[in-house]
Structure formats: structure tokens, C-alpha cells
Amino acid sequence: MIKNVKIINYKKNPFPYLLKANLFVLSSKYEGLPNILLESMVLKKFIISSNCPTGPSEILKNGKFGLLYKSDKFLDLSKKIIFFYKNRGLCQKKTIQAYNALDRFDSNINLDKYLKVFKF
């Protein structure tokens, strides 16, 4: 097991870093729509996210597609990271389920639903 964690500052283009990552951790206290979670799902990265208001729990389906921890509970976060490294098979399964569920964010599918409501 690799025992290194690299924390980097803000990057305009995080994708080269995300592509190399084994895991994505969102540690926000507040979010609107955390697009980075969707981007991580597209890249098939396992996600551990704070369960901050508006976003992560909806995107991760209350933990079905990744792990959630209470914001500011960093001991819980550390346990989730250890869980990831000890349970790669289960986490990979959740990652694939998350990837396969991304169509619920497809703009064309959602536009069609919207138009049906208004019968356009």
C-alpha cells in the first residue's frame, strides 16, 4: 500500500491530477452543485465526500455511489480513506455503479423530461 498523500493547491485544470489519482476526496463545508463529483464519476474515481448541504448526498445517493462523512469530522474521513484501501473491490463496484448512473445528469434527458411537463 502506498503511504503518501499529496495535497495540491488550486489548479485551473485539475484533470491531469485527477486522472492519476486512486481516490477523490471532497472536503467542502458548503456546495451548490459540486461538479467535481460528477467529473470524478466520469473518470471512474472512487469518491469520499463531506456530507455538506446541497449536493454530495444527492449525487452519491446517500453513500450508494461513494462514501460520505460529516463535515469537520476528520477522524471519520481518515477511517473512510483506510476503508477504501482495505476494500478496493467493494469501492470499485460503487464506482462502476456511480458511472452507470450518470445519465440522470444528462442535459438532453432532463430537457426532454422538462418539456414533457409543459407538453412542448
PDB file of N, CA and C in Angstrom:
ATOM      1  N   MET A   1       0.845  -1.174   0.000  1.00  0.00           N
ATOM      2  CA  MET A   1       0.000   0.000   0.000  1.00  0.00           C
ATOM      3  C   MET A   1       0.895   1.244   0.000  1.00  0.00           C
ATOM      4  N   ILE A   2       0.552   2.187  -0.854  1.00  0.00           N
ATOM      5  CA  ILE A   2       1.280   3.445  -0.897  1.00  0.00           C
ATOM      6  C   ILE A   2       0.880   4.274   0.315  1.00  0.00           C
ATOM      7  N   LYS A   3       1.839   4.872   0.969  1.00  0.00           N
ATOM      8  CA  LYS A   3       1.553   5.616   2.190  1.00  0.00           C
ATOM      9  C   LYS A   3       1.777   7.107   2.013  1.00  0.00           C
ATOM     10  N   ASN A   4       1.610   7.594   0.799  1.00  0.00           N
ATOM     11  CA  ASN A   4       1.799   9.012   0.533  1.00  0.00           C
ATOM     12  C   ASN A   4       0.484   9.656   0.125  1.00  0.00           C
ATOM     13  N   VAL A   5       0.267  10.849   0.609  1.00  0.00           N
ATOM     14  CA  VAL A   5      -0.881  11.655   0.222  1.00  0.00           C
ATOM     15  C   VAL A   5      -0.312  12.971  -0.272  1.00  0.00           C
ATOM     16  N   LYS A   6      -0.755  13.401  -1.430  1.00  0.00           N
ATOM     17  CA  LYS A   6      -0.284  14.666  -1.962  1.00  0.00           C
ATOM     18  C   LYS A   6      -1.449  15.642  -2.001  1.00  0.00           C
ATOM     19  N   ILE A   7      -1.298  16.746  -1.318  1.00  0.00           N
ATOM     20  CA  ILE A   7      -2.317  17.790  -1.309  1.00  0.00           C
ATOM     21  C   ILE A   7      -1.770  18.940  -2.139  1.00  0.00           C
ATOM     22  N   ILE A   8      -2.543  19.326  -3.138  1.00  0.00           N
ATOM     23  CA  ILE A   8      -2.089  20.398  -4.026  1.00  0.00           C
ATOM     24  C   ILE A   8      -3.031  21.594  -3.921  1.00  0.00           C
ATOM     25  N   ASN A   9      -2.510  22.759  -4.248  1.00  0.00           N
ATOM     26  CA  ASN A   9      -3.317  23.975  -4.262  1.00  0.00           C
ATOM     27  C   ASN A   9      -4.217  23.999  -5.486  1.00  0.00           C
ATOM     28  N   TYR A  10      -5.035  25.033  -5.567  1.00  0.00           N
ATOM     29  CA  TYR A  10      -5.964  25.230  -6.677  1.00  0.00           C
ATOM     30  C   TYR A  10      -5.250  25.109  -8.019  1.00  0.00           C
ATOM     31  N   LYS A  11      -5.881  24.403  -8.938  1.00  0.00           N
ATOM     32  CA  LYS A  11      -5.375  24.276 -10.300  1.00  0.00           C
ATOM     33  C   LYS A  11      -6.508  24.604 -11.262  1.00  0.00           C
ATOM     34  N   LYS A  12      -6.206  25.377 -12.297  1.00  0.00           N
ATOM     35  CA  LYS A  12      -7.224  25.706 -13.309  1.00  0.00           C
ATOM     36  C   LYS A  12      -7.744  24.442 -13.979  1.00  0.00           C
ATOM     37  N   ASN A  13      -6.846  23.532 -14.273  1.00  0.00           N
ATOM     38  CA  ASN A  13      -7.224  22.281 -14.922  1.00  0.00           C
ATOM     39  C   ASN A  13      -6.820  21.119 -14.014  1.00  0.00           C
ATOM     40  N   PRO A  14      -7.763  20.612 -13.226  1.00  0.00           N
ATOM     41  CA  PRO A  14      -7.414  19.532 -12.291  1.00  0.00           C
ATOM     42  C   PRO A  14      -7.357  18.144 -12.934  1.00  0.00           C
ATOM     43  N   PHE A  15      -7.784  18.023 -14.194  1.00  0.00           N
ATOM     44  CA  PHE A  15      -7.925  16.696 -14.786  1.00  0.00           C
ATOM     45  C   PHE A  15      -6.633  15.889 -14.870  1.00  0.00           C
ATOM     46  N   PRO A  16      -5.481  16.478 -15.208  1.00  0.00           N
ATOM     47  CA  PRO A  16      -4.261  15.653 -15.213  1.00  0.00           C
ATOM     48  C   PRO A  16      -3.968  15.025 -13.848  1.00  0.00           C
ATOM     49  N   TYR A  17      -4.291  15.740 -12.784  1.00  0.00           N
ATOM     50  CA  TYR A  17      -4.072  15.227 -11.433  1.00  0.00           C
ATOM     51  C   TYR A  17      -5.115  14.165 -11.083  1.00  0.00           C
ATOM     52  N   LEU A  18      -6.348  14.456 -11.441  1.00  0.00           N
ATOM     53  CA  LEU A  18      -7.440  13.534 -11.137  1.00  0.00           C
ATOM     54  C   LEU A  18      -7.267  12.211 -11.881  1.00  0.00           C
ATOM     55  N   LEU A  19      -6.777  12.271 -13.106  1.00  0.00           N
ATOM     56  CA  LEU A  19      -6.559  11.042 -13.874  1.00  0.00           C
ATOM     57  C   LEU A  19      -5.571  10.099 -13.181  1.00  0.00           C
ATOM     58  N   LYS A  20      -4.593  10.659 -12.483  1.00  0.00           N
ATOM     59  CA  LYS A  20      -3.578   9.854 -11.814  1.00  0.00           C
ATOM     60  C   LYS A  20      -4.000   9.390 -10.422  1.00  0.00           C
ATOM     61  N   ALA A  21      -5.069   9.966  -9.903  1.00  0.00           N
ATOM     62  CA  ALA A  21      -5.483   9.677  -8.524  1.00  0.00           C
ATOM     63  C   ALA A  21      -6.162   8.318  -8.394  1.00  0.00           C
ATOM     64  N   ASN A  22      -6.009   7.714  -7.232  1.00  0.00           N
ATOM     65  CA  ASN A  22      -6.727   6.484  -6.900  1.00  0.00           C
ATOM     66  C   ASN A  22      -8.079   6.797  -6.278  1.00  0.00           C
ATOM     67  N   LEU A  23      -8.199   7.997  -5.739  1.00  0.00           N
ATOM     68  CA  LEU A  23      -9.325   8.361  -4.895  1.00  0.00           C
ATOM     69  C   LEU A  23      -9.535   9.861  -4.988  1.00  0.00           C
ATOM     70  N   PHE A  24     -10.800  10.300  -4.925  1.00  0.00           N
ATOM     71  CA  PHE A  24     -11.085  11.727  -4.868  1.00  0.00           C
ATOM     72  C   PHE A  24     -11.787  12.037  -3.554  1.00  0.00           C
ATOM     73  N   VAL A  25     -11.294  13.046  -2.837  1.00  0.00           N
ATOM     74  CA  VAL A  25     -11.892  13.469  -1.577  1.00  0.00           C
ATOM     75  C   VAL A  25     -12.369  14.910  -1.723  1.00  0.00           C
ATOM     76  N   LEU A  26     -13.653  15.120  -1.452  1.00  0.00           N
ATOM     77  CA  LEU A  26     -14.218  16.465  -1.400  1.00  0.00           C
ATOM     78  C   LEU A  26     -14.402  16.821   0.063  1.00  0.00           C
ATOM     79  N   SER A  27     -13.730  17.888   0.503  1.00  0.00           N
ATOM     80  CA  SER A  27     -13.769  18.240   1.920  1.00  0.00           C
ATOM     81  C   SER A  27     -14.491  19.563   2.172  1.00  0.00           C
ATOM     82  N   SER A  28     -15.391  19.933   1.282  1.00  0.00           N
ATOM     83  CA  SER A  28     -16.093  21.214   1.388  1.00  0.00           C
ATOM     84  C   SER A  28     -17.025  21.271   2.592  1.00  0.00           C
ATOM     85  N   LYS A  29     -17.188  22.477   3.114  1.00  0.00           N
ATOM     86  CA  LYS A  29     -18.190  22.714   4.151  1.00  0.00           C
ATOM     87  C   LYS A  29     -19.537  23.038   3.521  1.00  0.00           C
ATOM     88  N   TYR A  30     -19.514  23.649   2.333  1.00  0.00           N
ATOM     89  CA  TYR A  30     -20.735  24.021   1.610  1.00  0.00           C
ATOM     90  C   TYR A  30     -20.512  23.824   0.122  1.00  0.00           C
ATOM     91  N   GLU A  31     -21.549  23.434  -0.571  1.00  0.00           N
ATOM     92  CA  GLU A  31     -21.509  23.290  -2.021  1.00  0.00           C
ATOM     93  C   GLU A  31     -22.869  23.674  -2.581  1.00  0.00           C
ATOM     94  N   GLY A  32     -22.888  24.004  -3.855  1.00  0.00           N
ATOM     95  CA  GLY A  32     -24.138  24.171  -4.585  1.00  0.00           C
ATOM     96  C   GLY A  32     -24.343  22.859  -5.322  1.00  0.00           C
ATOM     97  N   LEU A  33     -23.860  22.795  -6.537  1.00  0.00           N
ATOM     98  CA  LEU A  33     -23.779  21.544  -7.285  1.00  0.00           C
ATOM     99  C   LEU A  33     -22.291  21.259  -7.454  1.00  0.00           C
ATOM    100  N   PRO A  34     -21.757  20.315  -6.711  1.00  0.00           N
ATOM    101  CA  PRO A  34     -20.321  20.048  -6.796  1.00  0.00           C
ATOM    102  C   PRO A  34     -19.981  19.275  -8.075  1.00  0.00           C
ATOM    103  N   ASN A  35     -19.769  20.025  -9.151  1.00  0.00           N
ATOM    104  CA  ASN A  35     -19.473  19.417 -10.445  1.00  0.00           C
ATOM    105  C   ASN A  35     -18.273  18.490 -10.401  1.00  0.00           C
ATOM    106  N   ILE A  36     -17.323  18.772  -9.530  1.00  0.00           N
ATOM    107  CA  ILE A  36     -16.139  17.924  -9.453  1.00  0.00           C
ATOM    108  C   ILE A  36     -16.508  16.485  -9.080  1.00  0.00           C
ATOM    109  N   LEU A  37     -17.584  16.295  -8.346  1.00  0.00           N
ATOM    110  CA  LEU A  37     -18.017  14.922  -8.051  1.00  0.00           C
ATOM    111  C   LEU A  37     -18.474  14.234  -9.332  1.00  0.00           C
ATOM    112  N   LEU A  38     -19.222  14.951 -10.151  1.00  0.00           N
ATOM    113  CA  LEU A  38     -19.667  14.383 -11.428  1.00  0.00           C
ATOM    114  C   LEU A  38     -18.468  14.105 -12.334  1.00  0.00           C
ATOM    115  N   GLU A  39     -17.523  15.028 -12.352  1.00  0.00           N
ATOM    116  CA  GLU A  39     -16.327  14.834 -13.168  1.00  0.00           C
ATOM    117  C   GLU A  39     -15.517  13.635 -12.670  1.00  0.00           C
ATOM    118  N   SER A  40     -15.440  13.462 -11.385  1.00  0.00           N
ATOM    119  CA  SER A  40     -14.736  12.305 -10.821  1.00  0.00           C
ATOM    120  C   SER A  40     -15.444  11.007 -11.182  1.00  0.00           C
ATOM    121  N   MET A  41     -16.768  11.054 -11.186  1.00  0.00           N
ATOM    122  CA  MET A  41     -17.547   9.862 -11.564  1.00  0.00           C
ATOM    123  C   MET A  41     -17.306   9.512 -13.029  1.00  0.00           C
ATOM    124  N   VAL A  42     -17.252  10.514 -13.900  1.00  0.00           N
ATOM    125  CA  VAL A  42     -16.987  10.283 -15.323  1.00  0.00           C
ATOM    126  C   VAL A  42     -15.632   9.608 -15.502  1.00  0.00           C
ATOM    127  N   LEU A  43     -14.664   9.999 -14.692  1.00  0.00           N
ATOM    128  CA  LEU A  43     -13.320   9.428 -14.777  1.00  0.00           C
ATOM    129  C   LEU A  43     -13.173   8.129 -13.982  1.00  0.00           C
ATOM    130  N   LYS A  44     -14.284   7.650 -13.425  1.00  0.00           N
ATOM    131  CA  LYS A  44     -14.326   6.394 -12.669  1.00  0.00           C
ATOM    132  C   LYS A  44     -13.377   6.394 -11.472  1.00  0.00           C
ATOM    133  N   LYS A  45     -13.447   7.484 -10.707  1.00  0.00           N
ATOM    134  CA  LYS A  45     -12.663   7.599  -9.485  1.00  0.00           C
ATOM    135  C   LYS A  45     -13.576   7.370  -8.292  1.00  0.00           C
ATOM    136  N   PHE A  46     -13.093   6.654  -7.312  1.00  0.00           N
ATOM    137  CA  PHE A  46     -13.874   6.454  -6.101  1.00  0.00           C
ATOM    138  C   PHE A  46     -13.918   7.771  -5.340  1.00  0.00           C
ATOM    139  N   ILE A  47     -15.065   8.070  -4.732  1.00  0.00           N
ATOM    140  CA  ILE A  47     -15.274   9.359  -4.078  1.00  0.00           C
ATOM    141  C   ILE A  47     -15.572   9.179  -2.597  1.00  0.00           C
ATOM    142  N   ILE A  48     -14.891   9.995  -1.805  1.00  0.00           N
ATOM    143  CA  ILE A  48     -15.235  10.200  -0.397  1.00  0.00           C
ATOM    144  C   ILE A  48     -15.534  11.687  -0.284  1.00  0.00           C
ATOM    145  N   SER A  49     -16.709  12.017   0.215  1.00  0.00           N
ATOM    146  CA  SER A  49     -17.113  13.415   0.268  1.00  0.00           C
ATOM    147  C   SER A  49     -17.685  13.783   1.622  1.00  0.00           C
ATOM    148  N   SER A  50     -17.458  15.039   1.990  1.00  0.00           N
ATOM    149  CA  SER A  50     -18.161  15.560   3.154  1.00  0.00           C
ATOM    150  C   SER A  50     -19.647  15.568   2.820  1.00  0.00           C
ATOM    151  N   ASN A  51     -20.435  15.388   3.822  1.00  0.00           N
ATOM    152  CA  ASN A  51     -21.888  15.399   3.616  1.00  0.00           C
ATOM    153  C   ASN A  51     -22.399  16.819   3.881  1.00  0.00           C
ATOM    154  N   CYS A  52     -21.797  17.766   3.173  1.00  0.00           N
ATOM    155  CA  CYS A  52     -22.178  19.168   3.348  1.00  0.00           C
ATOM    156  C   CYS A  52     -23.529  19.415   2.680  1.00  0.00           C
ATOM    157  N   PRO A  53     -24.177  20.519   3.033  1.00  0.00           N
ATOM    158  CA  PRO A  53     -25.501  20.808   2.453  1.00  0.00           C
ATOM    159  C   PRO A  53     -25.468  20.933   0.931  1.00  0.00           C
ATOM    160  N   THR A  54     -26.536  20.499   0.331  1.00  0.00           N
ATOM    161  CA  THR A  54     -26.859  20.629  -1.094  1.00  0.00           C
ATOM    162  C   THR A  54     -25.796  20.097  -2.043  1.00  0.00           C
ATOM    163  N   GLY A  55     -25.841  18.841  -2.293  1.00  0.00           N
ATOM    164  CA  GLY A  55     -25.008  18.291  -3.344  1.00  0.00           C
ATOM    165  C   GLY A  55     -24.504  16.884  -3.162  1.00  0.00           C
ATOM    166  N   PRO A  56     -23.509  16.687  -2.304  1.00  0.00           N
ATOM    167  CA  PRO A  56     -22.866  15.384  -2.254  1.00  0.00           C
ATOM    168  C   PRO A  56     -23.793  14.203  -1.964  1.00  0.00           C
ATOM    169  N   SER A  57     -24.668  14.317  -0.996  1.00  0.00           N
ATOM    170  CA  SER A  57     -25.514  13.157  -0.672  1.00  0.00           C
ATOM    171  C   SER A  57     -26.471  12.840  -1.814  1.00  0.00           C
ATOM    172  N   GLU A  58     -26.916  13.865  -2.537  1.00  0.00           N
ATOM    173  CA  GLU A  58     -27.800  13.616  -3.685  1.00  0.00           C
ATOM    174  C   GLU A  58     -27.032  12.952  -4.821  1.00  0.00           C
ATOM    175  N   ILE A  59     -25.845  13.453  -5.109  1.00  0.00           N
ATOM    176  CA  ILE A  59     -25.047  12.894  -6.200  1.00  0.00           C
ATOM    177  C   ILE A  59     -24.593  11.483  -5.870  1.00  0.00           C
ATOM    178  N   LEU A  60     -24.173  11.255  -4.638  1.00  0.00           N
ATOM    179  CA  LEU A  60     -23.680   9.937  -4.237  1.00  0.00           C
ATOM    180  C   LEU A  60     -24.784   9.027  -3.710  1.00  0.00           C
ATOM    181  N   LYS A  61     -26.035   9.443  -3.886  1.00  0.00           N
ATOM    182  CA  LYS A  61     -27.194   8.641  -3.466  1.00  0.00           C
ATOM    183  C   LYS A  61     -27.037   8.134  -2.036  1.00  0.00           C
ATOM    184  N   ASN A  62     -26.765   9.081  -1.135  1.00  0.00           N
ATOM    185  CA  ASN A  62     -26.637   8.790   0.298  1.00  0.00           C
ATOM    186  C   ASN A  62     -25.610   7.707   0.620  1.00  0.00           C
ATOM    187  N   GLY A  63     -24.562   7.638  -0.180  1.00  0.00           N
ATOM    188  CA  GLY A  63     -23.489   6.686   0.080  1.00  0.00           C
ATOM    189  C   GLY A  63     -23.504   5.459  -0.803  1.00  0.00           C
ATOM    190  N   LYS A  64     -24.484   5.318  -1.662  1.00  0.00           N
ATOM    191  CA  LYS A  64     -24.538   4.168  -2.570  1.00  0.00           C
ATOM    192  C   LYS A  64     -23.399   4.211  -3.593  1.00  0.00           C
ATOM    193  N   PHE A  65     -23.015   5.430  -4.015  1.00  0.00           N
ATOM    194  CA  PHE A  65     -22.014   5.587  -5.073  1.00  0.00           C
ATOM    195  C   PHE A  65     -20.671   6.113  -4.566  1.00  0.00           C
ATOM    196  N   GLY A  66     -20.463   6.123  -3.288  1.00  0.00           N
ATOM    197  CA  GLY A  66     -19.234   6.613  -2.684  1.00  0.00           C
ATOM    198  C   GLY A  66     -19.438   6.656  -1.181  1.00  0.00           C
ATOM    199  N   LEU A  67     -18.518   7.261  -0.471  1.00  0.00           N
ATOM    200  CA  LEU A  67     -18.642   7.350   0.979  1.00  0.00           C
ATOM    201  C   LEU A  67     -18.831   8.804   1.391  1.00  0.00           C
ATOM    202  N   LEU A  68     -19.641   9.011   2.411  1.00  0.00           N
ATOM    203  CA  LEU A  68     -19.902  10.339   2.955  1.00  0.00           C
ATOM    204  C   LEU A  68     -19.425  10.396   4.405  1.00  0.00           C
ATOM    205  N   TYR A  69     -18.903  11.545   4.784  1.00  0.00           N
ATOM    206  CA  TYR A  69     -18.553  11.767   6.184  1.00  0.00           C
ATOM    207  C   TYR A  69     -19.063  13.145   6.596  1.00  0.00           C
ATOM    208  N   LYS A  70     -19.290  13.327   7.877  1.00  0.00           N
ATOM    209  CA  LYS A  70     -19.762  14.613   8.382  1.00  0.00           C
ATOM    210  C   LYS A  70     -18.653  15.655   8.252  1.00  0.00           C
ATOM    211  N   SER A  71     -19.021  16.817   7.726  1.00  0.00           N
ATOM    212  CA  SER A  71     -18.048  17.907   7.598  1.00  0.00           C
ATOM    213  C   SER A  71     -17.390  18.163   8.943  1.00  0.00           C
ATOM    214  N   ASP A  72     -16.109  18.433   8.927  1.00  0.00           N
ATOM    215  CA  ASP A  72     -15.304  18.721  10.117  1.00  0.00           C
ATOM    216  C   ASP A  72     -15.024  17.500  10.986  1.00  0.00           C
ATOM    217  N   LYS A  73     -15.441  16.329  10.582  1.00  0.00           N
ATOM    218  CA  LYS A  73     -15.155  15.098  11.338  1.00  0.00           C
ATOM    219  C   LYS A  73     -14.012  14.375  10.634  1.00  0.00           C
ATOM    220  N   PHE A  74     -12.805  14.905  10.796  1.00  0.00           N
ATOM    221  CA  PHE A  74     -11.673  14.416  10.037  1.00  0.00           C
ATOM    222  C   PHE A  74     -11.200  13.037  10.460  1.00  0.00           C
ATOM    223  N   LEU A  75     -11.504  12.624  11.678  1.00  0.00           N
ATOM    224  CA  LEU A  75     -11.196  11.255  12.096  1.00  0.00           C
ATOM    225  C   LEU A  75     -12.054  10.290  11.280  1.00  0.00           C
ATOM    226  N   ASP A  76     -13.329  10.656  11.067  1.00  0.00           N
ATOM    227  CA  ASP A  76     -14.224   9.852  10.229  1.00  0.00           C
ATOM    228  C   ASP A  76     -13.689   9.793   8.801  1.00  0.00           C
ATOM    229  N   LEU A  77     -13.205  10.923   8.291  1.00  0.00           N
ATOM    230  CA  LEU A  77     -12.618  10.940   6.946  1.00  0.00           C
ATOM    231  C   LEU A  77     -11.433   9.984   6.870  1.00  0.00           C
ATOM    232  N   SER A  78     -10.569  10.021   7.858  1.00  0.00           N
ATOM    233  CA  SER A  78      -9.398   9.134   7.832  1.00  0.00           C
ATOM    234  C   SER A  78      -9.816   7.668   7.846  1.00  0.00           C
ATOM    235  N   LYS A  79     -10.872   7.341   8.586  1.00  0.00           N
ATOM    236  CA  LYS A  79     -11.382   5.961   8.604  1.00  0.00           C
ATOM    237  C   LYS A  79     -11.930   5.562   7.244  1.00  0.00           C
ATOM    238  N   LYS A  80     -12.567   6.501   6.552  1.00  0.00           N
ATOM    239  CA  LYS A  80     -13.116   6.228   5.213  1.00  0.00           C
ATOM    240  C   LYS A  80     -11.982   5.986   4.213  1.00  0.00           C
ATOM    241  N   ILE A  81     -10.900   6.735   4.345  1.00  0.00           N
ATOM    242  CA  ILE A  81      -9.752   6.525   3.455  1.00  0.00           C
ATOM    243  C   ILE A  81      -9.138   5.149   3.693  1.00  0.00           C
ATOM    244  N   ILE A  82      -8.986   4.769   4.937  1.00  0.00           N
ATOM    245  CA  ILE A  82      -8.465   3.443   5.260  1.00  0.00           C
ATOM    246  C   ILE A  82      -9.412   2.365   4.736  1.00  0.00           C
ATOM    247  N   PHE A  83     -10.725   2.579   4.901  1.00  0.00           N
ATOM    248  CA  PHE A  83     -11.713   1.641   4.373  1.00  0.00           C
ATOM    249  C   PHE A  83     -11.514   1.459   2.869  1.00  0.00           C
ATOM    250  N   PHE A  84     -11.314   2.557   2.147  1.00  0.00           N
ATOM    251  CA  PHE A  84     -11.085   2.481   0.700  1.00  0.00           C
ATOM    252  C   PHE A  84      -9.907   1.566   0.386  1.00  0.00           C
ATOM    253  N   TYR A  85      -8.798   1.756   1.056  1.00  0.00           N
ATOM    254  CA  TYR A  85      -7.612   0.952   0.761  1.00  0.00           C
ATOM    255  C   TYR A  85      -7.753  -0.509   1.168  1.00  0.00           C
ATOM    256  N   LYS A  86      -8.599  -0.792   2.142  1.00  0.00           N
ATOM    257  CA  LYS A  86      -8.793  -2.179   2.579  1.00  0.00           C
ATOM    258  C   LYS A  86      -9.926  -2.882   1.838  1.00  0.00           C
ATOM    259  N   ASN A  87     -10.750  -2.132   1.111  1.00  0.00           N
ATOM    260  CA  ASN A  87     -11.935  -2.703   0.456  1.00  0.00           C
ATOM    261  C   ASN A  87     -12.032  -2.251  -0.998  1.00  0.00           C
ATOM    262  N   ARG A  88     -10.962  -2.419  -1.740  1.00  0.00           N
ATOM    263  CA  ARG A  88     -10.908  -1.940  -3.118  1.00  0.00           C
ATOM    264  C   ARG A  88     -11.996  -2.545  -3.995  1.00  0.00           C
ATOM    265  N   GLY A  89     -12.297  -3.815  -3.798  1.00  0.00           N
ATOM    266  CA  GLY A  89     -13.312  -4.478  -4.625  1.00  0.00           C
ATOM    267  C   GLY A  89     -14.682  -3.851  -4.451  1.00  0.00           C
ATOM    268  N   LEU A  90     -15.099  -3.663  -3.221  1.00  0.00           N
ATOM    269  CA  LEU A  90     -16.387  -3.038  -2.934  1.00  0.00           C
ATOM    270  C   LEU A  90     -16.419  -1.605  -3.462  1.00  0.00           C
ATOM    271  N   CYS A  91     -15.330  -0.891  -3.272  1.00  0.00           N
ATOM    272  CA  CYS A  91     -15.271   0.502  -3.731  1.00  0.00           C
ATOM    273  C   CYS A  91     -15.302   0.579  -5.256  1.00  0.00           C
ATOM    274  N   GLN A  92     -14.659  -0.365  -5.910  1.00  0.00           N
ATOM    275  CA  GLN A  92     -14.699  -0.398  -7.376  1.00  0.00           C
ATOM    276  C   GLN A  92     -16.129  -0.647  -7.856  1.00  0.00           C
ATOM    277  N   LYS A  93     -16.850  -1.508  -7.170  1.00  0.00           N
ATOM    278  CA  LYS A  93     -18.245  -1.777  -7.522  1.00  0.00           C
ATOM    279  C   LYS A  93     -19.085  -0.497  -7.399  1.00  0.00           C
ATOM    280  N   LYS A  94     -18.908   0.242  -6.307  1.00  0.00           N
ATOM    281  CA  LYS A  94     -19.626   1.503  -6.117  1.00  0.00           C
ATOM    282  C   LYS A  94     -19.254   2.508  -7.210  1.00  0.00           C
ATOM    283  N   THR A  95     -17.983   2.522  -7.604  1.00  0.00           N
ATOM    284  CA  THR A  95     -17.510   3.441  -8.637  1.00  0.00           C
ATOM    285  C   THR A  95     -18.186   3.135  -9.979  1.00  0.00           C
ATOM    286  N   ILE A  96     -18.291   1.880 -10.329  1.00  0.00           N
ATOM    287  CA  ILE A  96     -18.943   1.488 -11.589  1.00  0.00           C
ATOM    288  C   ILE A  96     -20.431   1.804 -11.529  1.00  0.00           C
ATOM    289  N   GLN A  97     -21.074   1.561 -10.394  1.00  0.00           N
ATOM    290  CA  GLN A  97     -22.494   1.906 -10.244  1.00  0.00           C
ATOM    291  C   GLN A  97     -22.691   3.415 -10.409  1.00  0.00           C
ATOM    292  N   ALA A  98     -21.804   4.201  -9.841  1.00  0.00           N
ATOM    293  CA  ALA A  98     -21.888   5.660  -9.960  1.00  0.00           C
ATOM    294  C   ALA A  98     -21.748   6.075 -11.417  1.00  0.00           C
ATOM    295  N   TYR A  99     -20.782   5.503 -12.109  1.00  0.00           N
ATOM    296  CA  TYR A  99     -20.560   5.821 -13.518  1.00  0.00           C
ATOM    297  C   TYR A  99     -21.797   5.473 -14.352  1.00  0.00           C
ATOM    298  N   ASN A 100     -22.368   4.319 -14.081  1.00  0.00           N
ATOM    299  CA  ASN A 100     -23.538   3.872 -14.844  1.00  0.00           C
ATOM    300  C   ASN A 100     -24.788   4.691 -14.545  1.00  0.00           C
ATOM    301  N   ALA A 101     -24.786   5.432 -13.456  1.00  0.00           N
ATOM    302  CA  ALA A 101     -25.950   6.242 -13.081  1.00  0.00           C
ATOM    303  C   ALA A 101     -25.819   7.701 -13.518  1.00  0.00           C
ATOM    304  N   LEU A 102     -24.794   8.024 -14.255  1.00  0.00           N
ATOM    305  CA  LEU A 102     -24.570   9.416 -14.654  1.00  0.00           C
ATOM    306  C   LEU A 102     -25.616   9.966 -15.612  1.00  0.00           C
ATOM    307  N   ASP A 103     -26.353   9.107 -16.279  1.00  0.00           N
ATOM    308  CA  ASP A 103     -27.345   9.605 -17.240  1.00  0.00           C
ATOM    309  C   ASP A 103     -28.413  10.474 -16.583  1.00  0.00           C
ATOM    310  N   ARG A 104     -28.577  10.380 -15.286  1.00  0.00           N
ATOM    311  CA  ARG A 104     -29.564  11.217 -14.604  1.00  0.00           C
ATOM    312  C   ARG A 104     -29.162  12.691 -14.620  1.00  0.00           C
ATOM    313  N   PHE A 105     -27.912  12.980 -15.003  1.00  0.00           N
ATOM    314  CA  PHE A 105     -27.443  14.353 -15.130  1.00  0.00           C
ATOM    315  C   PHE A 105     -27.317  14.793 -16.586  1.00  0.00           C
ATOM    316  N   ASP A 106     -27.715  13.936 -17.510  1.00  0.00           N
ATOM    317  CA  ASP A 106     -27.627  14.256 -18.938  1.00  0.00           C
ATOM    318  C   ASP A 106     -28.603  15.377 -19.283  1.00  0.00           C
ATOM    319  N   SER A 107     -28.091  16.442 -19.872  1.00  0.00           N
ATOM    320  CA  SER A 107     -28.936  17.615 -20.155  1.00  0.00           C
ATOM    321  C   SER A 107     -30.045  17.293 -21.153  1.00  0.00           C
ATOM    322  N   ASN A 108     -29.785  16.453 -22.129  1.00  0.00           N
ATOM    323  CA  ASN A 108     -30.830  16.112 -23.116  1.00  0.00           C
ATOM    324  C   ASN A 108     -31.962  15.311 -22.483  1.00  0.00           C
ATOM    325  N   ILE A 109     -31.612  14.372 -21.645  1.00  0.00           N
ATOM    326  CA  ILE A 109     -32.633  13.571 -20.954  1.00  0.00           C
ATOM    327  C   ILE A 109     -33.469  14.474 -20.051  1.00  0.00           C
ATOM    328  N   ASN A 110     -32.809  15.348 -19.316  1.00  0.00           N
ATOM    329  CA  ASN A 110     -33.536  16.229 -18.409  1.00  0.00           C
ATOM    330  C   ASN A 110     -34.356  17.277 -19.157  1.00  0.00           C
ATOM    331  N   LEU A 111     -33.874  17.738 -20.282  1.00  0.00           N
ATOM    332  CA  LEU A 111     -34.651  18.676 -21.090  1.00  0.00           C
ATOM    333  C   LEU A 111     -35.921  18.008 -21.606  1.00  0.00           C
ATOM    334  N   ASP A 112     -35.810  16.768 -22.052  1.00  0.00           N
ATOM    335  CA  ASP A 112     -36.991  16.030 -22.508  1.00  0.00           C
ATOM    336  C   ASP A 112     -38.022  15.895 -21.388  1.00  0.00           C
ATOM    337  N   LYS A 113     -37.566  15.594 -20.187  1.00  0.00           N
ATOM    338  CA  LYS A 113     -38.486  15.497 -19.039  1.00  0.00           C
ATOM    339  C   LYS A 113     -39.152  16.835 -18.765  1.00  0.00           C
ATOM    340  N   TYR A 114     -38.383  17.887 -18.826  1.00  0.00           N
ATOM    341  CA  TYR A 114     -38.894  19.236 -18.589  1.00  0.00           C
ATOM    342  C   TYR A 114     -39.952  19.598 -19.637  1.00  0.00           C
ATOM    343  N   LEU A 115     -39.656  19.310 -20.899  1.00  0.00           N
ATOM    344  CA  LEU A 115     -40.590  19.638 -21.964  1.00  0.00           C
ATOM    345  C   LEU A 115     -41.876  18.831 -21.873  1.00  0.00           C
ATOM    346  N   LYS A 116     -41.778  17.594 -21.394  1.00  0.00           N
ATOM    347  CA  LYS A 116     -42.982  16.770 -21.223  1.00  0.00           C
ATOM    348  C   LYS A 116     -43.899  17.339 -20.151  1.00  0.00           C
ATOM    349  N   VAL A 117     -43.303  17.915 -19.106  1.00  0.00           N
ATOM    350  CA  VAL A 117     -44.120  18.522 -18.053  1.00  0.00           C
ATOM    351  C   VAL A 117     -44.949  19.680 -18.620  1.00  0.00           C
ATOM    352  N   PHE A 118     -44.318  20.438 -19.514  1.00  0.00           N
ATOM    353  CA  PHE A 118     -45.002  21.587 -20.096  1.00  0.00           C
ATOM    354  C   PHE A 118     -45.616  21.285 -21.450  1.00  0.00           C
ATOM    355  N   LYS A 119     -45.523  20.001 -21.855  1.00  0.00           N
ATOM    356  CA  LYS A 119     -46.151  19.490 -23.095  1.00  0.00           C
ATOM    357  C   LYS A 119     -45.733  20.260 -24.345  1.00  0.00           C
ATOM    358  N   PHE A 120     -44.429  20.487 -24.478  1.00  0.00           N
ATOM    359  CA  PHE A 120     -43.885  21.109 -25.687  1.00  0.00           C
ATOM    360  C   PHE A 120     -43.546  20.045 -26.699  1.00  0.00           C
TER     361      PHE A 120
END
